[in-house]
C-alpha atoms as a PDB file:
ATOM      1  CA  MET A   1     163.344 102.662 131.029  1.00  0.00           C
ATOM      2  CA  THR A   2     163.047 101.277 134.572  1.00  0.00           C
ATOM      3  CA  LEU A   3     160.452  99.380 136.546  1.00  0.00           C
ATOM      4  CA  ARG A   4     159.621 102.640 138.313  1.00  0.00           C
ATOM      5  CA  ALA A   5     158.919 104.298 134.976  1.00  0.00           C
ATOM      6  CA  ASP A   6     156.689 101.406 133.933  1.00  0.00           C
ATOM      7  CA  PHE A   7     154.789 101.537 137.216  1.00  0.00           C
ATOM      8  CA  ALA A   8     154.343 105.300 136.934  1.00  0.00           C
ATOM      9  CA  ALA A   9     153.030 104.852 133.390  1.00  0.00           C
ATOM     10  CA  GLY A  10     150.575 102.212 134.581  1.00  0.00           C
ATOM     11  CA  LEU A  11     149.332 104.422 137.406  1.00  0.00           C
ATOM     12  CA  SER A  12     148.879 107.377 135.060  1.00  0.00           C
ATOM     13  CA  LEU A  13     146.903 105.181 132.655  1.00  0.00           C
ATOM     14  CA  LEU A  14     144.638 103.446 135.173  1.00  0.00           C
ATOM     15  CA  THR A  15     144.273 105.948 138.028  1.00  0.00           C
ATOM     16  CA  ARG A  16     144.335 109.624 138.858  1.00  0.00           C
ATOM     17  CA  LEU A  17     147.070 109.219 141.451  1.00  0.00           C
ATOM     18  CA  PRO A  18     150.108 111.518 141.168  1.00  0.00           C
ATOM     19  CA  THR A  19     153.162 109.766 139.740  1.00  0.00           C
ATOM     20  CA  GLY A  20     155.859 112.453 139.872  1.00  0.00           C
ATOM     21  CA  TRP A  21     157.239 111.038 143.121  1.00  0.00           C
ATOM     22  CA  ILE A  22     157.828 107.697 141.368  1.00  0.00           C
ATOM     23  CA  PHE A  23     159.204 108.937 138.064  1.00  0.00           C
ATOM     24  CA  PRO A  24     159.725 112.554 136.881  1.00  0.00           C
ATOM     25  CA  GLY A  25     156.989 113.657 134.492  1.00  0.00           C
ATOM     26  CA  SER A  26     159.533 115.368 132.254  1.00  0.00           C
ATOM     27  CA  LYS A  27     160.894 111.994 131.121  1.00  0.00           C
ATOM     28  CA  THR A  28     159.342 109.786 128.461  1.00  0.00           C
ATOM     29  CA  ILE A  29     157.245 106.804 129.551  1.00  0.00           C
ATOM     30  CA  ASP A  30     156.104 103.790 127.553  1.00  0.00           C
ATOM     31  CA  LEU A  31     152.471 102.852 128.189  1.00  0.00           C
ATOM     32  CA  ALA A  32     152.766  99.520 126.365  1.00  0.00           C
ATOM     33  CA  ARG A  33     155.713  98.479 128.538  1.00  0.00           C
ATOM     34  CA  SER A  34     153.685  99.272 131.646  1.00  0.00           C
ATOM     35  CA  SER A  35     151.217  96.481 130.828  1.00  0.00           C
ATOM     36  CA  TRP A  36     153.016  94.052 133.146  1.00  0.00           C
ATOM     37  CA  CYS A  37     151.742  95.970 136.168  1.00  0.00           C
ATOM     38  CA  TRP A  38     148.140  96.592 135.035  1.00  0.00           C
ATOM     39  CA  PRO A  39     146.693  93.611 136.967  1.00  0.00           C
ATOM     40  CA  LEU A  40     148.782  94.553 140.011  1.00  0.00           C
ATOM     41  CA  ILE A  41     147.335  98.064 139.984  1.00  0.00           C
ATOM     42  CA  GLY A  42     143.839  96.714 139.363  1.00  0.00           C
ATOM     43  CA  GLY A  43     144.188  94.317 142.271  1.00  0.00           C
ATOM     44  CA  ALA A  44     145.352  97.143 144.540  1.00  0.00           C
ATOM     45  CA  ILE A  45     142.355  99.258 143.518  1.00  0.00           C
ATOM     46  CA  GLY A  46     140.065  96.332 144.306  1.00  0.00           C
ATOM     47  CA  ALA A  47     141.726  95.722 147.669  1.00  0.00           C
ATOM     48  CA  ALA A  48     141.386  99.387 148.643  1.00  0.00           C
ATOM     49  CA  THR A  49     137.737  99.448 147.560  1.00  0.00           C
ATOM     50  CA  GLY A  50     137.010  96.264 149.494  1.00  0.00           C
ATOM     51  CA  THR A  51     138.724  97.660 152.569  1.00  0.00           C
ATOM     52  CA  ILE A  52     136.538 100.782 152.490  1.00  0.00           C
ATOM     53  CA  LEU A  53     133.436  98.585 152.213  1.00  0.00           C
ATOM     54  CA  THR A  54     134.543  96.266 155.016  1.00  0.00           C
ATOM     55  CA  VAL A  55     135.492  99.088 157.377  1.00  0.00           C
ATOM     56  CA  GLY A  56     132.151 100.773 156.735  1.00  0.00           C
ATOM     57  CA  VAL A  57     130.254  97.609 157.630  1.00  0.00           C
ATOM     58  CA  MET A  58     132.420  97.048 160.731  1.00  0.00           C
ATOM     59  CA  LEU A  59     131.660 100.605 161.865  1.00  0.00           C
ATOM     60  CA  GLY A  60     127.964  99.791 161.802  1.00  0.00           C
ATOM     61  CA  MET A  61     126.919 101.273 158.464  1.00  0.00           C
ATOM     62  CA  PRO A  62     124.148  99.469 156.587  1.00  0.00           C
ATOM     63  CA  ALA A  63     125.708  97.420 153.798  1.00  0.00           C
ATOM     64  CA  ILE A  64     124.132  99.562 151.077  1.00  0.00           C
ATOM     65  CA  VAL A  65     125.587 102.749 152.604  1.00  0.00           C
ATOM     66  CA  ALA A  66     129.058 101.236 152.955  1.00  0.00           C
ATOM     67  CA  THR A  67     128.772 100.019 149.363  1.00  0.00           C
ATOM     68  CA  GLY A  68     127.910 103.523 148.203  1.00  0.00           C
ATOM     69  CA  TRP A  69     131.010 104.959 149.859  1.00  0.00           C
ATOM     70  CA  ALA A  70     133.168 102.171 148.417  1.00  0.00           C
ATOM     71  CA  VAL A  71     131.893 102.874 144.895  1.00  0.00           C
ATOM     72  CA  ILE A  72     132.523 106.612 145.338  1.00  0.00           C
ATOM     73  CA  PHE A  73     136.044 105.888 146.584  1.00  0.00           C
ATOM     74  CA  GLN A  74     136.780 103.664 143.603  1.00  0.00           C
ATOM     75  CA  LEU A  75     135.534 106.279 141.143  1.00  0.00           C
ATOM     76  CA  PHE A  76     137.646 108.940 142.863  1.00  0.00           C
ATOM     77  CA  LEU A  77     140.721 106.695 142.785  1.00  0.00           C
ATOM     78  CA  THR A  78     140.412 105.849 139.087  1.00  0.00           C
ATOM     79  CA  GLY A  79     139.016 109.173 137.916  1.00  0.00           C
ATOM     80  CA  ALA A  80     136.172 107.183 136.296  1.00  0.00           C
ATOM     81  CA  LEU A  81     138.470 106.661 133.297  1.00  0.00           C
ATOM     82  CA  HIS A  82     137.059 103.260 132.393  1.00  0.00           C
ATOM     83  CA  GLU A  83     133.503 104.444 132.986  1.00  0.00           C
ATOM     84  CA  ASP A  84     134.090 107.310 130.546  1.00  0.00           C
ATOM     85  CA  GLY A  85     135.318 104.875 127.891  1.00  0.00           C
ATOM     86  CA  PHE A  86     132.399 102.544 128.588  1.00  0.00           C
ATOM     87  CA  ALA A  87     129.844 105.324 128.123  1.00  0.00           C
ATOM     88  CA  ASP A  88     131.514 106.584 124.936  1.00  0.00           C
ATOM     89  CA  SER A  89     131.633 103.028 123.576  1.00  0.00           C
ATOM     90  CA  MET A  90     127.936 102.437 124.182  1.00  0.00           C
ATOM     91  CA  ASP A  91     127.093 105.754 122.511  1.00  0.00           C
ATOM     92  CA  GLY A  92     129.267 105.005 119.502  1.00  0.00           C
ATOM     93  CA  LEU A  93     128.608 101.307 118.989  1.00  0.00           C
ATOM     94  CA  PHE A  94     124.847 101.618 119.178  1.00  0.00           C
ATOM     95  CA  GLY A  95     124.315 105.215 118.091  1.00  0.00           C
ATOM     96  CA  GLY A  96     125.806 105.167 114.588  1.00  0.00           C
ATOM     97  CA  ARG A  97     125.001 103.356 111.358  1.00  0.00           C
ATOM     98  CA  THR A  98     128.507 103.178 109.853  1.00  0.00           C
ATOM     99  CA  SER A  99     131.898 102.465 111.400  1.00  0.00           C
ATOM    100  CA  GLU A 100     133.066 105.990 110.549  1.00  0.00           C
ATOM    101  CA  ARG A 101     130.058 107.543 112.262  1.00  0.00           C
ATOM    102  CA  ARG A 102     130.448 105.273 115.291  1.00  0.00           C
ATOM    103  CA  LEU A 103     134.082 106.297 115.697  1.00  0.00           C
ATOM    104  CA  GLU A 104     133.101 109.943 115.338  1.00  0.00           C
ATOM    105  CA  ILE A 105     130.489 109.599 118.078  1.00  0.00           C
ATOM    106  CA  MET A 106     132.947 107.826 120.371  1.00  0.00           C
ATOM    107  CA  ARG A 107     135.391 110.716 120.016  1.00  0.00           C
ATOM    108  CA  ASP A 108     132.689 113.261 120.953  1.00  0.00           C
ATOM    109  CA  SER A 109     133.188 114.318 124.581  1.00  0.00           C
ATOM    110  CA  ARG A 110     129.442 114.732 125.110  1.00  0.00           C
ATOM    111  CA  ILE A 111     127.495 111.811 126.537  1.00  0.00           C
ATOM    112  CA  GLY A 112     124.413 110.525 124.730  1.00  0.00           C
ATOM    113  CA  SER A 113     121.354 108.604 125.844  1.00  0.00           C
ATOM    114  CA  TYR A 114     122.891 105.166 125.251  1.00  0.00           C
ATOM    115  CA  GLY A 115     126.010 106.060 127.195  1.00  0.00           C
ATOM    116  CA  ALA A 116     124.117 107.667 130.078  1.00  0.00           C
ATOM    117  CA  LEU A 117     121.741 104.732 130.414  1.00  0.00           C
ATOM    118  CA  ALA A 118     124.539 102.146 130.191  1.00  0.00           C
ATOM    119  CA  LEU A 119     126.660 104.020 132.742  1.00  0.00           C
ATOM    120  CA  CYS A 120     123.787 104.259 135.238  1.00  0.00           C
ATOM    121  CA  LEU A 121     123.035 100.558 134.853  1.00  0.00           C
ATOM    122  CA  ALA A 122     126.723  99.674 135.268  1.00  0.00           C
ATOM    123  CA  ILE A 123     127.020 101.652 138.517  1.00  0.00           C
ATOM    124  CA  LEU A 124     123.786 100.099 139.811  1.00  0.00           C
ATOM    125  CA  LEU A 125     125.010  96.603 138.976  1.00  0.00           C
ATOM    126  CA  ARG A 126     128.389  97.233 140.603  1.00  0.00           C
ATOM    127  CA  ALA A 127     126.743  98.549 143.759  1.00  0.00           C
ATOM    128  CA  GLY A 128     124.192  95.732 143.774  1.00  0.00           C
ATOM    129  CA  THR A 129     126.761  92.960 143.517  1.00  0.00           C
ATOM    130  CA  MET A 130     129.039  94.568 146.090  1.00  0.00           C
ATOM    131  CA  ASN A 131     126.088  94.978 148.452  1.00  0.00           C
ATOM    132  CA  ALA A 132     125.180  91.316 147.980  1.00  0.00           C
ATOM    133  CA  LEU A 133     128.726  90.304 148.920  1.00  0.00           C
ATOM    134  CA  ALA A 134     129.167  92.787 151.773  1.00  0.00           C
ATOM    135  CA  GLY A 135     128.227  90.224 154.415  1.00  0.00           C
ATOM    136  CA  GLN A 136     131.480  88.347 153.777  1.00  0.00           C
ATOM    137  CA  PRO A 137     134.194  90.893 154.770  1.00  0.00           C
ATOM    138  CA  LEU A 138     137.357  88.965 153.882  1.00  0.00           C
ATOM    139  CA  HIS A 139     135.729  87.293 150.895  1.00  0.00           C
ATOM    140  CA  ILE A 140     134.629  90.612 149.353  1.00  0.00           C
ATOM    141  CA  ILE A 141     138.191  91.959 149.481  1.00  0.00           C
ATOM    142  CA  ALA A 142     139.512  88.862 147.681  1.00  0.00           C
ATOM    143  CA  ILE A 143     136.737  89.067 145.085  1.00  0.00           C
ATOM    144  CA  LEU A 144     137.295  92.776 144.402  1.00  0.00           C
ATOM    145  CA  MET A 145     141.049  92.209 144.121  1.00  0.00           C
ATOM    146  CA  THR A 146     140.453  89.418 141.619  1.00  0.00           C
ATOM    147  CA  ALA A 147     137.895  91.459 139.681  1.00  0.00           C
ATOM    148  CA  GLY A 148     140.370  94.337 139.491  1.00  0.00           C
ATOM    149  CA  ALA A 149     143.186  92.085 138.284  1.00  0.00           C
ATOM    150  CA  PHE A 150     141.055  90.212 135.731  1.00  0.00           C
ATOM    151  CA  SER A 151     139.558  93.416 134.326  1.00  0.00           C
ATOM    152  CA  ARG A 152     142.990  95.013 133.816  1.00  0.00           C
ATOM    153  CA  LEU A 153     144.490  91.852 132.350  1.00  0.00           C
ATOM    154  CA  ALA A 154     141.526  91.817 129.964  1.00  0.00           C
ATOM    155  CA  LEU A 155     142.696  95.173 128.573  1.00  0.00           C
ATOM    156  CA  MET A 156     145.411  93.241 126.758  1.00  0.00           C
ATOM    157  CA  LEU A 157     143.060  90.919 124.904  1.00  0.00           C
ATOM    158  CA  PRO A 158     141.551  93.434 122.432  1.00  0.00           C
ATOM    159  CA  ILE A 159     145.092  94.672 121.759  1.00  0.00           C
ATOM    160  CA  LEU A 160     146.241  91.121 121.005  1.00  0.00           C
ATOM    161  CA  TRP A 161     143.154  90.012 119.084  1.00  0.00           C
ATOM    162  CA  LEU A 162     142.211  93.137 117.111  1.00  0.00           C
ATOM    163  CA  ARG A 163     143.886  95.982 115.275  1.00  0.00           C
ATOM    164  CA  PRO A 164     143.479  99.655 116.226  1.00  0.00           C
ATOM    165  CA  ALA A 165     140.373 101.169 114.659  1.00  0.00           C
ATOM    166  CA  ARG A 166     142.204 104.499 114.276  1.00  0.00           C
ATOM    167  CA  ALA A 167     145.695 105.439 113.139  1.00  0.00           C
ATOM    168  CA  ASP A 168     146.202 107.624 116.218  1.00  0.00           C
ATOM    169  CA  GLY A 169     145.234 107.811 119.860  1.00  0.00           C
ATOM    170  CA  LEU A 170     145.745 105.522 122.836  1.00  0.00           C
ATOM    171  CA  ALA A 171     144.822 102.332 120.978  1.00  0.00           C
ATOM    172  CA  HIS A 172     147.485 102.958 118.346  1.00  0.00           C
ATOM    173  CA  GLU A 173     150.090 103.715 121.018  1.00  0.00           C
ATOM    174  CA  LEU A 174     149.389 100.411 122.776  1.00  0.00           C
ATOM    175  CA  ARG A 175     149.312  98.236 119.652  1.00  0.00           C
ATOM    176  CA  HIS A 176     152.617  96.452 120.398  1.00  0.00           C
ATOM    177  CA  LEU A 177     152.672  94.770 123.811  1.00  0.00           C
ATOM    178  CA  PRO A 178     155.945  93.053 124.776  1.00  0.00           C
ATOM    179  CA  ALA A 179     155.456  89.307 125.266  1.00  0.00           C
ATOM    180  CA  ARG A 180     157.374  89.324 128.548  1.00  0.00           C
ATOM    181  CA  CYS A 181     155.000  91.977 129.908  1.00  0.00           C
ATOM    182  CA  LEU A 182     152.034  89.739 129.120  1.00  0.00           C
ATOM    183  CA  LEU A 183     153.667  86.819 130.923  1.00  0.00           C
ATOM    184  CA  VAL A 184     154.432  88.893 134.025  1.00  0.00           C
ATOM    185  CA  ALA A 185     150.896  90.310 134.007  1.00  0.00           C
ATOM    186  CA  MET A 186     149.444  86.803 133.865  1.00  0.00           C
ATOM    187  CA  LEU A 187     151.663  85.763 136.785  1.00  0.00           C
ATOM    188  CA  PHE A 188     150.493  88.692 138.926  1.00  0.00           C
ATOM    189  CA  THR A 189     146.887  87.923 138.013  1.00  0.00           C
ATOM    190  CA  ALA A 190     147.280  84.280 139.034  1.00  0.00           C
ATOM    191  CA  LEU A 191     148.851  85.272 142.357  1.00  0.00           C
ATOM    192  CA  ILE A 192     146.002  87.672 143.127  1.00  0.00           C
ATOM    193  CA  ALA A 193     143.329  85.176 142.058  1.00  0.00           C
ATOM    194  CA  SER A 194     144.882  82.560 144.360  1.00  0.00           C
ATOM    195  CA  SER A 195     143.150  84.396 147.223  1.00  0.00           C
ATOM    196  CA  LEU A 196     140.007  82.556 146.028  1.00  0.00           C
ATOM    197  CA  SER A 197     139.424  78.835 145.692  1.00  0.00           C
ATOM    198  CA  ILE A 198     140.942  77.252 142.582  1.00  0.00           C
ATOM    199  CA  LEU A 199     137.530  76.370 141.149  1.00  0.00           C
ATOM    200  CA  GLY A 200     136.194  79.823 141.959  1.00  0.00           C
ATOM    201  CA  ALA A 201     139.128  81.625 140.357  1.00  0.00           C
ATOM    202  CA  LEU A 202     138.990  79.464 137.220  1.00  0.00           C
ATOM    203  CA  SER A 203     135.245  79.945 136.811  1.00  0.00           C
ATOM    204  CA  LEU A 204     135.549  83.720 137.162  1.00  0.00           C
ATOM    205  CA  PHE A 205     138.453  83.727 134.703  1.00  0.00           C
ATOM    206  CA  LEU A 206     136.282  81.846 132.200  1.00  0.00           C
ATOM    207  CA  PHE A 207     133.475  84.382 132.670  1.00  0.00           C
ATOM    208  CA  ALA A 208     135.981  87.201 132.121  1.00  0.00           C
ATOM    209  CA  CYS A 209     137.316  85.643 128.914  1.00  0.00           C
ATOM    210  CA  LEU A 210     133.822  85.087 127.514  1.00  0.00           C
ATOM    211  CA  ALA A 211     132.803  88.670 128.296  1.00  0.00           C
ATOM    212  CA  THR A 212     135.944  90.021 126.628  1.00  0.00           C
ATOM    213  CA  LEU A 213     135.454  87.808 123.582  1.00  0.00           C
ATOM    214  CA  ALA A 214     131.861  89.005 123.222  1.00  0.00           C
ATOM    215  CA  LEU A 215     132.854  92.676 123.350  1.00  0.00           C
ATOM    216  CA  CYS A 216     135.750  92.140 120.936  1.00  0.00           C
ATOM    217  CA  SER A 217     133.375  90.447 118.492  1.00  0.00           C
ATOM    218  CA  VAL A 218     130.983  93.391 118.650  1.00  0.00           C
ATOM    219  CA  ALA A 219     133.801  95.930 118.270  1.00  0.00           C
ATOM    220  CA  TYR A 220     135.281  94.075 115.293  1.00  0.00           C
ATOM    221  CA  ARG A 221     131.916  93.859 113.554  1.00  0.00           C
ATOM    222  CA  LEU A 222     130.870  97.460 114.185  1.00  0.00           C
ATOM    223  CA  ILE A 223     134.101  99.500 114.020  1.00  0.00           C
ATOM    224  CA  GLY A 224     136.681  97.055 112.676  1.00  0.00           C
ATOM    225  CA  GLY A 225     138.964  97.036 115.711  1.00  0.00           C
ATOM    226  CA  TYR A 226     139.514  98.535 119.146  1.00  0.00           C
ATOM    227  CA  THR A 227     139.923 102.048 120.522  1.00  0.00           C
ATOM    228  CA  GLY A 228     140.889 103.437 123.905  1.00  0.00           C
ATOM    229  CA  ASP A 229     137.176 103.647 124.720  1.00  0.00           C
ATOM    230  CA  ILE A 230     136.743  99.966 123.891  1.00  0.00           C
ATOM    231  CA  LEU A 231     139.541  99.168 126.339  1.00  0.00           C
ATOM    232  CA  GLY A 232     137.706 101.116 129.029  1.00  0.00           C
ATOM    233  CA  ALA A 233     134.488  99.282 128.210  1.00  0.00           C
ATOM    234  CA  THR A 234     136.357  95.979 128.435  1.00  0.00           C
ATOM    235  CA  ALA A 235     137.492  96.743 131.983  1.00  0.00           C
ATOM    236  CA  ILE A 236     133.971  97.676 133.107  1.00  0.00           C
ATOM    237  CA  ILE A 237     132.224  94.718 131.468  1.00  0.00           C
ATOM    238  CA  VAL A 238     134.750  92.200 132.797  1.00  0.00           C
ATOM    239  CA  GLU A 239     134.591  93.656 136.301  1.00  0.00           C
ATOM    240  CA  LEU A 240     130.784  93.480 136.332  1.00  0.00           C
ATOM    241  CA  THR A 241     130.841  89.944 134.940  1.00  0.00           C
ATOM    242  CA  VAL A 242     133.278  88.769 137.615  1.00  0.00           C
ATOM    243  CA  LEU A 243     131.309  90.418 140.424  1.00  0.00           C
ATOM    244  CA  SER A 244     128.064  88.936 139.101  1.00  0.00           C
ATOM    245  CA  GLY A 245     129.632  85.483 138.927  1.00  0.00           C
ATOM    246  CA  ALA A 246     130.954  85.798 142.469  1.00  0.00           C
ATOM    247  CA  SER A 247     127.488  86.753 143.727  1.00  0.00           C
ATOM    248  CA  LEU A 248     125.960  83.479 142.485  1.00  0.00           C
ATOM    249  CA  ASN A 249     124.473  81.387 145.259  1.00  0.00           C
ATOM    250  CA  GLY A 250     127.025  78.901 146.582  1.00  0.00           C
ATOM    251  CA  PHE A 251     130.106  80.537 145.056  1.00  0.00           C
ATOM    252  CA  ASP A 252     131.657  81.073 148.487  1.00  0.00           C
ATOM    253  CA  LYS A 253     131.122  77.396 149.316  1.00  0.00           C
ATOM    254  CA  LEU A 254     133.079  75.930 146.406  1.00  0.00           C
ATOM    255  CA  PRO A 255     135.134  73.022 147.809  1.00  0.00           C
ATOM    256  CA  PHE A 256     138.578  73.964 146.456  1.00  0.00           C
END
């Protein structure tokens, strides 16, 4: 396995971008080994989204319109993979009475009322926070990069803290993350977060950890572990938490 193979695996997991030009699809890839580059890919997605928003505002679009295009671009880039997992998780966690029934609902490709409502609220909150930050062009790019890196690093925490809720599927495939991959991922995350003030980055990291811990606690209590959908929900919840924290009054004026 090579770094190119790992990067291709990470792109295929987190985006809908073609990866054949990086590593031939006929060869085997290891999704767990690709974890070192998850925050790097997340940061790149955030940077691209922030650039679309900033360019839209600079071209004279109202902030809410530029935000709408940025959200659409992000969903197109990622294929709404995390949003799909988030919706399935909300349907399953809150739509069943037993862990078996919850897992069955989460595997159902149809979206239910809990998932639809949660997904709509998540998109509204993402757009609202991005719109609130749109008046700070360079700052919004740094914040979206950090949110992307934190939310993809957070994918590792359920894998490290919990056991797979099923004996198959994506969660089972990712159950063994190499320690060196975690260390490299943390290094990339720290480098990306350094675009913010130290106090700002640390506070957002704390928010991200608390949000992940809360979701892991709910998943452990209701289904006994994590699934691929729970990982998707983790990314969405952490991203929204980070963006909400960054939109707090005075965040951009932190002294260091």
